[in-house]
Protein backbone atom coordinates (compact mmCIF):
# COMPACT_ATOMS: atom_id res chain seq x y z
CA MET A 1 132.43 83.59 51.96
CA ARG A 2 131.02 80.17 52.70
CA ASN A 3 131.46 80.74 56.45
CA ALA A 4 129.62 84.05 56.22
CA ASN A 5 126.68 82.44 54.43
CA THR A 6 126.57 79.60 56.94
CA PHE A 7 126.68 82.06 59.84
CA LEU A 8 123.87 84.12 58.28
CA LEU A 9 121.71 81.03 57.75
CA ILE A 10 122.22 79.82 61.33
CA THR A 11 121.48 83.29 62.70
CA LEU A 12 118.25 83.52 60.74
CA LEU A 13 117.12 80.08 61.84
CA LEU A 14 117.82 80.70 65.51
CA SER A 15 116.45 84.24 65.73
CA PRO A 16 113.05 84.67 67.34
CA LEU A 17 110.26 85.47 64.93
CA ALA A 18 108.06 88.50 65.46
CA HIS A 19 104.39 87.69 65.78
CA ALA A 20 101.95 90.36 64.69
CA SER A 21 98.53 90.57 66.27
CA SER A 22 95.64 89.34 64.18
CA GLU A 23 92.89 91.61 62.91
CA ALA A 24 90.48 89.94 65.34
CA ALA A 25 92.80 90.75 68.26
CA TRP A 26 92.95 94.42 67.22
CA GLN A 27 89.15 94.56 66.93
CA LYS A 28 88.75 92.98 70.36
CA ASN A 29 91.16 95.53 71.86
CA ASP A 30 89.25 98.38 70.17
CA HIS A 31 85.96 97.09 71.53
CA ASN A 32 87.34 96.57 75.06
CA ARG A 33 88.90 100.05 75.07
CA GLN A 34 85.70 101.72 73.92
CA GLN A 35 83.50 99.87 76.40
CA ALA A 36 85.83 100.57 79.33
CA CYS A 37 85.99 104.28 78.50
CA LEU A 38 82.25 104.64 78.02
CA LYS A 39 81.64 102.87 81.33
CA ALA A 40 84.15 105.09 83.17
CA SER A 41 82.59 108.28 81.84
CA GLY A 42 80.33 110.42 83.99
CA LEU A 43 78.55 111.91 80.98
CA LYS A 44 75.18 110.80 79.65
CA SER A 45 74.62 109.95 75.98
CA VAL A 46 78.40 109.63 75.78
CA ARG A 47 80.15 108.74 72.53
CA VAL A 48 83.67 108.50 71.21
CA VAL A 49 84.79 111.52 69.19
CA GLY A 50 87.53 111.09 66.61
CA LYS A 51 90.10 108.33 66.47
CA PRO A 52 92.08 106.85 69.36
CA ILE A 53 95.63 107.90 70.09
CA GLN A 54 97.71 104.76 70.58
CA TYR A 55 101.03 105.04 72.35
CA ASP A 56 103.65 102.37 71.75
CA ASP A 57 104.00 99.29 73.94
CA SER A 58 106.70 100.87 76.11
CA VAL A 59 103.97 103.19 77.41
CA GLY A 60 101.01 100.82 77.04
CA TYR A 61 98.21 103.39 76.97
CA ASP A 62 95.59 104.55 74.48
CA VAL A 63 93.64 107.80 74.68
CA LEU A 64 90.07 108.46 73.57
CA LEU A 65 88.17 111.72 73.45
CA LEU A 66 84.61 111.35 74.71
CA GLU A 67 81.68 113.70 74.32
CA GLY A 68 78.29 113.69 76.00
CA ARG A 69 76.06 115.77 78.23
CA TYR A 70 76.50 116.58 81.89
CA PRO A 71 73.84 114.78 83.95
CA GLN A 72 73.93 117.23 86.88
CA LYS A 73 70.88 119.49 87.08
CA HIS A 74 72.92 122.66 87.59
CA MET A 75 74.88 121.94 84.37
CA LYS A 76 71.62 122.27 82.40
CA ASN A 77 72.40 119.41 79.99
CA GLN A 78 75.50 121.16 78.63
CA VAL A 79 77.79 119.33 76.24
CA GLY A 80 80.96 118.11 77.94
CA ARG A 81 84.17 116.40 76.90
CA GLU A 82 86.41 113.93 78.70
CA LEU A 83 89.72 112.32 77.93
CA CYS A 84 89.88 108.63 78.65
CA LEU A 85 93.23 107.04 79.41
CA TYR A 86 93.03 103.30 78.76
CA GLN A 87 95.74 100.92 80.00
CA ARG A 88 95.93 98.06 77.52
CA GLN A 89 97.55 95.51 79.86
CA SER A 90 95.06 95.85 82.71
CA GLY A 91 92.03 96.99 80.70
CA LYS A 92 91.41 99.85 83.14
CA ALA A 93 90.09 103.22 82.02
CA SER A 94 90.33 106.57 83.76
CA VAL A 95 88.62 109.76 82.63
CA SER A 96 89.27 113.43 83.20
CA GLU A 97 87.34 116.53 82.15
CA ALA A 98 88.55 117.95 78.86
CA ASP A 99 86.11 120.77 78.10
CA THR A 100 88.96 123.13 77.25
CA LEU A 101 90.01 121.01 74.26
CA ARG A 102 88.87 122.53 71.02
CA ALA A 103 88.30 120.91 67.67
CA VAL A 104 91.01 121.19 65.03
CA LYS A 105 89.81 121.98 61.54
């Protein structure tokens, strides 16, 4: 029994500790993600709609739904939607048209 307790104590002392991100780090990531997505968008008066979808670290991406108005004259200021794929590691954002998405109620 004593050997088991000693082994457990040594294991706990030598194991790496998990470090959680601070609240400030999460807020900075949220701000960076939003700014990158808004900048990548081709819509005018663009805004984030809803909450982000955050995939785990093995994927490393977040998704935002954006909504704004098409700036092209032939689109006659119609409302448009885009999905923004944000890569957390690089900070790069890529958008794609998502007008076919409908709101869930």
